[in-house]
Amino acid sequence: MVGFALNYQFEFDRCYIYLHCILETPPVRQMIAASNLSVEEFIQMHAKQCCLKRIGTPQEIANLVVFLASDLCPFLTGANLVADGGYTAI
């Protein structure tokens, strides 16, 4: 998806269509199913690995989408935004 956004941004910018990639944490439900931990144990373990020490919510990702679709960021285009609570920063 990152390559798609970067490649097609050059095609779509003339039409004022802005492409962004939102890179979020891995799918937690699938990771819980693959582990031998309870949901609470998994969330505690996963949260310890994030800078914010908690799991993000779907609403937080939705807020980022709303921001990108708004007129609040007209100069932002072709961005890869990581919304993972600092998981990849550690």
PDB file of N, CA and C in Angstrom:
ATOM      1  N   MET A   1       0.813  -1.185   0.000  1.00  0.00           N
ATOM      2  CA  MET A   1       0.000   0.000   0.000  1.00  0.00           C
ATOM      3  C   MET A   1       0.867   1.264   0.000  1.00  0.00           C
ATOM      4  N   VAL A   2       1.982   1.200   0.694  1.00  0.00           N
ATOM      5  CA  VAL A   2       2.851   2.377   0.744  1.00  0.00           C
ATOM      6  C   VAL A   2       3.333   2.721  -0.659  1.00  0.00           C
ATOM      7  N   GLY A   3       3.783   1.714  -1.397  1.00  0.00           N
ATOM      8  CA  GLY A   3       4.235   1.936  -2.764  1.00  0.00           C
ATOM      9  C   GLY A   3       3.118   2.443  -3.661  1.00  0.00           C
ATOM     10  N   PHE A   4       1.922   1.901  -3.476  1.00  0.00           N
ATOM     11  CA  PHE A   4       0.761   2.359  -4.237  1.00  0.00           C
ATOM     12  C   PHE A   4       0.515   3.845  -3.999  1.00  0.00           C
ATOM     13  N   ALA A   5       0.511   4.245  -2.734  1.00  0.00           N
ATOM     14  CA  ALA A   5       0.243   5.650  -2.396  1.00  0.00           C
ATOM     15  C   ALA A   5       1.305   6.568  -2.984  1.00  0.00           C
ATOM     16  N   LEU A   6       2.568   6.176  -2.870  1.00  0.00           N
ATOM     17  CA  LEU A   6       3.631   7.024  -3.398  1.00  0.00           C
ATOM     18  C   LEU A   6       3.582   7.120  -4.916  1.00  0.00           C
ATOM     19  N   ASN A   7       3.332   5.998  -5.564  1.00  0.00           N
ATOM     20  CA  ASN A   7       3.301   5.976  -7.023  1.00  0.00           C
ATOM     21  C   ASN A   7       2.126   6.766  -7.579  1.00  0.00           C
ATOM     22  N   TYR A   8       0.944   6.509  -7.054  1.00  0.00           N
ATOM     23  CA  TYR A   8      -0.245   7.141  -7.606  1.00  0.00           C
ATOM     24  C   TYR A   8      -0.466   8.560  -7.126  1.00  0.00           C
ATOM     25  N   GLN A   9       0.234   8.970  -6.087  1.00  0.00           N
ATOM     26  CA  GLN A   9       0.101  10.358  -5.648  1.00  0.00           C
ATOM     27  C   GLN A   9       0.488  11.320  -6.766  1.00  0.00           C
ATOM     28  N   PHE A  10       1.507  10.974  -7.509  1.00  0.00           N
ATOM     29  CA  PHE A  10       1.937  11.835  -8.611  1.00  0.00           C
ATOM     30  C   PHE A  10       0.886  11.906  -9.718  1.00  0.00           C
ATOM     31  N   GLU A  11       0.117  10.845  -9.868  1.00  0.00           N
ATOM     32  CA  GLU A  11      -0.938  10.837 -10.882  1.00  0.00           C
ATOM     33  C   GLU A  11      -2.160  11.614 -10.421  1.00  0.00           C
ATOM     34  N   PHE A  12      -2.493  11.509  -9.126  1.00  0.00           N
ATOM     35  CA  PHE A  12      -3.738  12.077  -8.628  1.00  0.00           C
ATOM     36  C   PHE A  12      -3.618  13.513  -8.134  1.00  0.00           C
ATOM     37  N   ASP A  13      -2.420  13.998  -7.891  1.00  0.00           N
ATOM     38  CA  ASP A  13      -2.305  15.334  -7.305  1.00  0.00           C
ATOM     39  C   ASP A  13      -2.807  16.425  -8.246  1.00  0.00           C
ATOM     40  N   ARG A  14      -2.755  16.180  -9.529  1.00  0.00           N
ATOM     41  CA  ARG A  14      -3.278  17.162 -10.485  1.00  0.00           C
ATOM     42  C   ARG A  14      -4.791  17.329 -10.358  1.00  0.00           C
ATOM     43  N   CYS A  15      -5.444  16.295  -9.838  1.00  0.00           N
ATOM     44  CA  CYS A  15      -6.902  16.325  -9.662  1.00  0.00           C
ATOM     45  C   CYS A  15      -7.283  16.705  -8.240  1.00  0.00           C
ATOM     46  N   TYR A  16      -6.307  17.118  -7.439  1.00  0.00           N
ATOM     47  CA  TYR A  16      -6.524  17.454  -6.030  1.00  0.00           C
ATOM     48  C   TYR A  16      -7.080  16.271  -5.240  1.00  0.00           C
ATOM     49  N   ILE A  17      -6.596  15.090  -5.568  1.00  0.00           N
ATOM     50  CA  ILE A  17      -6.903  13.881  -4.809  1.00  0.00           C
ATOM     51  C   ILE A  17      -5.652  13.548  -4.023  1.00  0.00           C
ATOM     52  N   TYR A  18      -5.771  13.446  -2.725  1.00  0.00           N
ATOM     53  CA  TYR A  18      -4.622  13.214  -1.861  1.00  0.00           C
ATOM     54  C   TYR A  18      -4.650  11.783  -1.339  1.00  0.00           C
ATOM     55  N   LEU A  19      -3.537  11.109  -1.457  1.00  0.00           N
ATOM     56  CA  LEU A  19      -3.411   9.732  -0.980  1.00  0.00           C
ATOM     57  C   LEU A  19      -2.514   9.685   0.243  1.00  0.00           C
ATOM     58  N   HIS A  20      -2.931   8.919   1.212  1.00  0.00           N
ATOM     59  CA  HIS A  20      -2.146   8.722   2.424  1.00  0.00           C
ATOM     60  C   HIS A  20      -2.225   7.254   2.808  1.00  0.00           C
ATOM     61  N   CYS A  21      -1.235   6.781   3.521  1.00  0.00           N
ATOM     62  CA  CYS A  21      -1.266   5.444   4.110  1.00  0.00           C
ATOM     63  C   CYS A  21      -1.281   5.601   5.616  1.00  0.00           C
ATOM     64  N   ILE A  22      -2.204   4.917   6.258  1.00  0.00           N
ATOM     65  CA  ILE A  22      -2.228   4.872   7.713  1.00  0.00           C
ATOM     66  C   ILE A  22      -1.740   3.493   8.111  1.00  0.00           C
ATOM     67  N   LEU A  23      -0.589   3.461   8.739  1.00  0.00           N
ATOM     68  CA  LEU A  23       0.022   2.217   9.168  1.00  0.00           C
ATOM     69  C   LEU A  23      -0.274   2.053  10.653  1.00  0.00           C
ATOM     70  N   GLU A  24      -1.120   1.088  10.978  1.00  0.00           N
ATOM     71  CA  GLU A  24      -1.502   0.893  12.360  1.00  0.00           C
ATOM     72  C   GLU A  24      -0.874  -0.375  12.919  1.00  0.00           C
ATOM     73  N   THR A  25      -1.168  -0.654  14.172  1.00  0.00           N
ATOM     74  CA  THR A  25      -0.617  -1.843  14.808  1.00  0.00           C
ATOM     75  C   THR A  25      -1.119  -3.095  14.112  1.00  0.00           C
ATOM     76  N   PRO A  26      -0.446  -4.201  14.319  1.00  0.00           N
ATOM     77  CA  PRO A  26      -0.916  -5.456  13.725  1.00  0.00           C
ATOM     78  C   PRO A  26      -2.331  -5.773  14.215  1.00  0.00           C
ATOM     79  N   PRO A  27      -3.064  -6.593  13.468  1.00  0.00           N
ATOM     80  CA  PRO A  27      -4.425  -6.950  13.874  1.00  0.00           C
ATOM     81  C   PRO A  27      -4.436  -7.718  15.191  1.00  0.00           C
ATOM     82  N   VAL A  28      -4.898  -7.063  16.229  1.00  0.00           N
ATOM     83  CA  VAL A  28      -4.815  -7.617  17.578  1.00  0.00           C
ATOM     84  C   VAL A  28      -5.659  -8.878  17.724  1.00  0.00           C
ATOM     85  N   ARG A  29      -6.825  -8.915  17.120  1.00  0.00           N
ATOM     86  CA  ARG A  29      -7.692 -10.094  17.266  1.00  0.00           C
ATOM     87  C   ARG A  29      -7.015 -11.359  16.749  1.00  0.00           C
ATOM     88  N   GLN A  30      -6.363 -11.258  15.591  1.00  0.00           N
ATOM     89  CA  GLN A  30      -5.673 -12.420  15.035  1.00  0.00           C
ATOM     90  C   GLN A  30      -4.485 -12.822  15.908  1.00  0.00           C
ATOM     91  N   MET A  31      -3.806 -11.818  16.469  1.00  0.00           N
ATOM     92  CA  MET A  31      -2.665 -12.117  17.328  1.00  0.00           C
ATOM     93  C   MET A  31      -3.114 -12.788  18.623  1.00  0.00           C
ATOM     94  N   ILE A  32      -4.249 -12.367  19.172  1.00  0.00           N
ATOM     95  CA  ILE A  32      -4.774 -12.993  20.379  1.00  0.00           C
ATOM     96  C   ILE A  32      -5.163 -14.433  20.078  1.00  0.00           C
ATOM     97  N   ALA A  33      -5.817 -14.651  18.956  1.00  0.00           N
ATOM     98  CA  ALA A  33      -6.242 -16.004  18.595  1.00  0.00           C
ATOM     99  C   ALA A  33      -5.051 -16.937  18.426  1.00  0.00           C
ATOM    100  N   ALA A  34      -3.932 -16.411  17.932  1.00  0.00           N
ATOM    101  CA  ALA A  34      -2.749 -17.234  17.704  1.00  0.00           C
ATOM    102  C   ALA A  34      -1.945 -17.482  18.984  1.00  0.00           C
ATOM    103  N   SER A  35      -2.219 -16.703  20.024  1.00  0.00           N
ATOM    104  CA  SER A  35      -1.465 -16.861  21.272  1.00  0.00           C
ATOM    105  C   SER A  35      -2.239 -17.767  22.233  1.00  0.00           C
ATOM    106  N   ASN A  36      -1.592 -18.153  23.303  1.00  0.00           N
ATOM    107  CA  ASN A  36      -2.233 -18.954  24.343  1.00  0.00           C
ATOM    108  C   ASN A  36      -2.626 -18.094  25.531  1.00  0.00           C
ATOM    109  N   LEU A  37      -2.781 -16.797  25.322  1.00  0.00           N
ATOM    110  CA  LEU A  37      -3.081 -15.869  26.399  1.00  0.00           C
ATOM    111  C   LEU A  37      -4.545 -15.456  26.368  1.00  0.00           C
ATOM    112  N   SER A  38      -5.040 -15.034  27.513  1.00  0.00           N
ATOM    113  CA  SER A  38      -6.377 -14.453  27.548  1.00  0.00           C
ATOM    114  C   SER A  38      -6.305 -13.058  26.923  1.00  0.00           C
ATOM    115  N   VAL A  39      -7.451 -12.481  26.631  1.00  0.00           N
ATOM    116  CA  VAL A  39      -7.493 -11.153  26.027  1.00  0.00           C
ATOM    117  C   VAL A  39      -6.815 -10.141  26.945  1.00  0.00           C
ATOM    118  N   GLU A  40      -7.127 -10.196  28.242  1.00  0.00           N
ATOM    119  CA  GLU A  40      -6.541  -9.245  29.193  1.00  0.00           C
ATOM    120  C   GLU A  40      -5.031  -9.405  29.281  1.00  0.00           C
ATOM    121  N   GLU A  41      -4.549 -10.655  29.326  1.00  0.00           N
ATOM    122  CA  GLU A  41      -3.107 -10.902  29.398  1.00  0.00           C
ATOM    123  C   GLU A  41      -2.405 -10.397  28.145  1.00  0.00           C
ATOM    124  N   PHE A  42      -3.019 -10.653  26.993  1.00  0.00           N
ATOM    125  CA  PHE A  42      -2.411 -10.217  25.741  1.00  0.00           C
ATOM    126  C   PHE A  42      -2.340  -8.700  25.666  1.00  0.00           C
ATOM    127  N   ILE A  43      -3.420  -8.024  26.034  1.00  0.00           N
ATOM    128  CA  ILE A  43      -3.441  -6.555  25.984  1.00  0.00           C
ATOM    129  C   ILE A  43      -2.389  -5.981  26.915  1.00  0.00           C
ATOM    130  N   GLN A  44      -2.251  -6.541  28.110  1.00  0.00           N
ATOM    131  CA  GLN A  44      -1.225  -6.058  29.048  1.00  0.00           C
ATOM    132  C   GLN A  44       0.166  -6.260  28.478  1.00  0.00           C
ATOM    133  N   MET A  45       0.426  -7.440  27.891  1.00  0.00           N
ATOM    134  CA  MET A  45       1.739  -7.721  27.314  1.00  0.00           C
ATOM    135  C   MET A  45       2.027  -6.793  26.130  1.00  0.00           C
ATOM    136  N   HIS A  46       1.044  -6.636  25.250  1.00  0.00           N
ATOM    137  CA  HIS A  46       1.232  -5.802  24.060  1.00  0.00           C
ATOM    138  C   HIS A  46       1.391  -4.327  24.449  1.00  0.00           C
ATOM    139  N   ALA A  47       0.632  -3.876  25.427  1.00  0.00           N
ATOM    140  CA  ALA A  47       0.700  -2.475  25.846  1.00  0.00           C
ATOM    141  C   ALA A  47       2.074  -2.140  26.417  1.00  0.00           C
ATOM    142  N   LYS A  48       2.722  -3.081  27.069  1.00  0.00           N
ATOM    143  CA  LYS A  48       4.058  -2.846  27.624  1.00  0.00           C
ATOM    144  C   LYS A  48       5.079  -2.551  26.529  1.00  0.00           C
ATOM    145  N   GLN A  49       4.802  -3.021  25.307  1.00  0.00           N
ATOM    146  CA  GLN A  49       5.731  -2.850  24.199  1.00  0.00           C
ATOM    147  C   GLN A  49       5.512  -1.539  23.438  1.00  0.00           C
ATOM    148  N   CYS A  50       4.534  -0.739  23.846  1.00  0.00           N
ATOM    149  CA  CYS A  50       4.230   0.533  23.189  1.00  0.00           C
ATOM    150  C   CYS A  50       4.689   1.691  24.059  1.00  0.00           C
ATOM    151  N   CYS A  51       5.115   2.772  23.438  1.00  0.00           N
ATOM    152  CA  CYS A  51       5.520   3.962  24.191  1.00  0.00           C
ATOM    153  C   CYS A  51       4.389   4.513  25.044  1.00  0.00           C
ATOM    154  N   LEU A  52       3.163   4.449  24.534  1.00  0.00           N
ATOM    155  CA  LEU A  52       2.024   4.992  25.270  1.00  0.00           C
ATOM    156  C   LEU A  52       1.487   4.033  26.326  1.00  0.00           C
ATOM    157  N   LYS A  53       2.000   2.807  26.339  1.00  0.00           N
ATOM    158  CA  LYS A  53       1.631   1.790  27.337  1.00  0.00           C
ATOM    159  C   LYS A  53       0.144   1.454  27.327  1.00  0.00           C
ATOM    160  N   ARG A  54      -0.454   1.472  26.144  1.00  0.00           N
ATOM    161  CA  ARG A  54      -1.851   1.075  26.010  1.00  0.00           C
ATOM    162  C   ARG A  54      -2.117   0.684  24.565  1.00  0.00           C
ATOM    163  N   ILE A  55      -3.253   0.056  24.353  1.00  0.00           N
ATOM    164  CA  ILE A  55      -3.680  -0.349  23.021  1.00  0.00           C
ATOM    165  C   ILE A  55      -4.542   0.766  22.446  1.00  0.00           C
ATOM    166  N   GLY A  56      -4.359   1.074  21.195  1.00  0.00           N
ATOM    167  CA  GLY A  56      -5.169   2.090  20.537  1.00  0.00           C
ATOM    168  C   GLY A  56      -6.572   1.583  20.269  1.00  0.00           C
ATOM    169  N   THR A  57      -7.469   2.508  20.059  1.00  0.00           N
ATOM    170  CA  THR A  57      -8.866   2.159  19.800  1.00  0.00           C
ATOM    171  C   THR A  57      -9.204   2.407  18.337  1.00  0.00           C
ATOM    172  N   PRO A  58     -10.218   1.729  17.836  1.00  0.00           N
ATOM    173  CA  PRO A  58     -10.659   2.014  16.467  1.00  0.00           C
ATOM    174  C   PRO A  58     -11.058   3.484  16.287  1.00  0.00           C
ATOM    175  N   GLN A  59     -11.592   4.094  17.333  1.00  0.00           N
ATOM    176  CA  GLN A  59     -11.989   5.500  17.254  1.00  0.00           C
ATOM    177  C   GLN A  59     -10.780   6.397  17.000  1.00  0.00           C
ATOM    178  N   GLU A  60      -9.631   6.059  17.565  1.00  0.00           N
ATOM    179  CA  GLU A  60      -8.428   6.863  17.358  1.00  0.00           C
ATOM    180  C   GLU A  60      -7.959   6.799  15.904  1.00  0.00           C
ATOM    181  N   ILE A  61      -8.078   5.635  15.286  1.00  0.00           N
ATOM    182  CA  ILE A  61      -7.732   5.508  13.866  1.00  0.00           C
ATOM    183  C   ILE A  61      -8.754   6.283  13.031  1.00  0.00           C
ATOM    184  N   ALA A  62     -10.020   6.175  13.395  1.00  0.00           N
ATOM    185  CA  ALA A  62     -11.072   6.906  12.680  1.00  0.00           C
ATOM    186  C   ALA A  62     -10.851   8.412  12.775  1.00  0.00           C
ATOM    187  N   ASN A  63     -10.401   8.889  13.930  1.00  0.00           N
ATOM    188  CA  ASN A  63     -10.122  10.326  14.081  1.00  0.00           C
ATOM    189  C   ASN A  63      -9.021  10.770  13.127  1.00  0.00           C
ATOM    190  N   LEU A  64      -8.015   9.930  12.936  1.00  0.00           N
ATOM    191  CA  LEU A  64      -6.946  10.256  11.997  1.00  0.00           C
ATOM    192  C   LEU A  64      -7.480  10.326  10.569  1.00  0.00           C
ATOM    193  N   VAL A  65      -8.353   9.401  10.218  1.00  0.00           N
ATOM    194  CA  VAL A  65      -8.961   9.412   8.880  1.00  0.00           C
ATOM    195  C   VAL A  65      -9.776  10.687   8.682  1.00  0.00           C
ATOM    196  N   VAL A  66     -10.548  11.066   9.685  1.00  0.00           N
ATOM    197  CA  VAL A  66     -11.346  12.299   9.595  1.00  0.00           C
ATOM    198  C   VAL A  66     -10.432  13.509   9.418  1.00  0.00           C
ATOM    199  N   PHE A  67      -9.337  13.543  10.161  1.00  0.00           N
ATOM    200  CA  PHE A  67      -8.383  14.649  10.023  1.00  0.00           C
ATOM    201  C   PHE A  67      -7.823  14.721   8.606  1.00  0.00           C
ATOM    202  N   LEU A  68      -7.425  13.580   8.062  1.00  0.00           N
ATOM    203  CA  LEU A  68      -6.844  13.571   6.721  1.00  0.00           C
ATOM    204  C   LEU A  68      -7.861  13.945   5.649  1.00  0.00           C
ATOM    205  N   ALA A  69      -9.121  13.650   5.894  1.00  0.00           N
ATOM    206  CA  ALA A  69     -10.171  13.978   4.926  1.00  0.00           C
ATOM    207  C   ALA A  69     -10.664  15.411   5.073  1.00  0.00           C
ATOM    208  N   SER A  70     -10.240  16.087   6.113  1.00  0.00           N
ATOM    209  CA  SER A  70     -10.718  17.443   6.377  1.00  0.00           C
ATOM    210  C   SER A  70      -9.861  18.482   5.641  1.00  0.00           C
ATOM    211  N   ASP A  71     -10.255  19.714   5.789  1.00  0.00           N
ATOM    212  CA  ASP A  71      -9.493  20.833   5.222  1.00  0.00           C
ATOM    213  C   ASP A  71      -8.404  21.317   6.172  1.00  0.00           C
ATOM    214  N   LEU A  72      -8.162  20.604   7.261  1.00  0.00           N
ATOM    215  CA  LEU A  72      -7.159  21.011   8.238  1.00  0.00           C
ATOM    216  C   LEU A  72      -5.732  20.710   7.787  1.00  0.00           C
ATOM    217  N   CYS A  73      -5.583  19.889   6.757  1.00  0.00           N
ATOM    218  CA  CYS A  73      -4.229  19.538   6.310  1.00  0.00           C
ATOM    219  C   CYS A  73      -4.122  19.594   4.786  1.00  0.00           C
ATOM    220  N   PRO A  74      -4.357  20.742   4.172  1.00  0.00           N
ATOM    221  CA  PRO A  74      -4.349  20.812   2.710  1.00  0.00           C
ATOM    222  C   PRO A  74      -2.964  20.663   2.081  1.00  0.00           C
ATOM    223  N   PHE A  75      -1.914  20.797   2.864  1.00  0.00           N
ATOM    224  CA  PHE A  75      -0.559  20.707   2.317  1.00  0.00           C
ATOM    225  C   PHE A  75       0.046  19.323   2.526  1.00  0.00           C
ATOM    226  N   LEU A  76      -0.661  18.424   3.171  1.00  0.00           N
ATOM    227  CA  LEU A  76      -0.182  17.073   3.441  1.00  0.00           C
ATOM    228  C   LEU A  76      -0.642  16.155   2.315  1.00  0.00           C
ATOM    229  N   THR A  77       0.301  15.507   1.675  1.00  0.00           N
ATOM    230  CA  THR A  77      -0.046  14.597   0.593  1.00  0.00           C
ATOM    231  C   THR A  77       1.015  13.502   0.471  1.00  0.00           C
ATOM    232  N   GLY A  78       0.579  12.298   0.153  1.00  0.00           N
ATOM    233  CA  GLY A  78       1.497  11.185  -0.013  1.00  0.00           C
ATOM    234  C   GLY A  78       2.178  10.744   1.262  1.00  0.00           C
ATOM    235  N   ALA A  79       1.535  10.961   2.402  1.00  0.00           N
ATOM    236  CA  ALA A  79       2.154  10.666   3.694  1.00  0.00           C
ATOM    237  C   ALA A  79       1.896   9.222   4.120  1.00  0.00           C
ATOM    238  N   ASN A  80       2.862   8.664   4.822  1.00  0.00           N
ATOM    239  CA  ASN A  80       2.719   7.370   5.491  1.00  0.00           C
ATOM    240  C   ASN A  80       2.694   7.656   6.979  1.00  0.00           C
ATOM    241  N   LEU A  81       1.533   7.586   7.564  1.00  0.00           N
ATOM    242  CA  LEU A  81       1.355   7.936   8.964  1.00  0.00           C
ATOM    243  C   LEU A  81       1.278   6.671   9.810  1.00  0.00           C
ATOM    244  N   VAL A  82       2.149   6.588  10.784  1.00  0.00           N
ATOM    245  CA  VAL A  82       2.189   5.420  11.658  1.00  0.00           C
ATOM    246  C   VAL A  82       1.377   5.736  12.906  1.00  0.00           C
ATOM    247  N   ALA A  83       0.305   4.983  13.107  1.00  0.00           N
ATOM    248  CA  ALA A  83      -0.561   5.160  14.268  1.00  0.00           C
ATOM    249  C   ALA A  83      -0.519   3.875  15.087  1.00  0.00           C
ATOM    250  N   ASP A  84       0.549   3.733  15.877  1.00  0.00           N
ATOM    251  CA  ASP A  84       0.730   2.482  16.607  1.00  0.00           C
ATOM    252  C   ASP A  84       1.111   2.701  18.059  1.00  0.00           C
ATOM    253  N   GLY A  85       0.929   3.899  18.563  1.00  0.00           N
ATOM    254  CA  GLY A  85       1.243   4.173  19.974  1.00  0.00           C
ATOM    255  C   GLY A  85       2.715   4.094  20.293  1.00  0.00           C
ATOM    256  N   GLY A  86       3.546   4.199  19.281  1.00  0.00           N
ATOM    257  CA  GLY A  86       4.985   4.126  19.484  1.00  0.00           C
ATOM    258  C   GLY A  86       5.543   2.715  19.442  1.00  0.00           C
ATOM    259  N   TYR A  87       4.747   1.755  19.006  1.00  0.00           N
ATOM    260  CA  TYR A  87       5.176   0.351  18.949  1.00  0.00           C
ATOM    261  C   TYR A  87       6.412   0.178  18.063  1.00  0.00           C
ATOM    262  N   THR A  88       6.437   0.829  16.905  1.00  0.00           N
ATOM    263  CA  THR A  88       7.575   0.674  15.997  1.00  0.00           C
ATOM    264  C   THR A  88       8.742   1.581  16.365  1.00  0.00           C
ATOM    265  N   ALA A  89       8.539   2.491  17.300  1.00  0.00           N
ATOM    266  CA  ALA A  89       9.615   3.410  17.707  1.00  0.00           C
ATOM    267  C   ALA A  89      10.566   2.758  18.686  1.00  0.00           C
ATOM    268  N   ILE A  90      10.120   1.703  19.314  1.00  0.00           N
ATOM    269  CA  ILE A  90      10.956   1.053  20.353  1.00  0.00           C
ATOM    270  C   ILE A  90      11.874   0.041  19.707  1.00  0.00           C
TER     271      ILE A  90
END
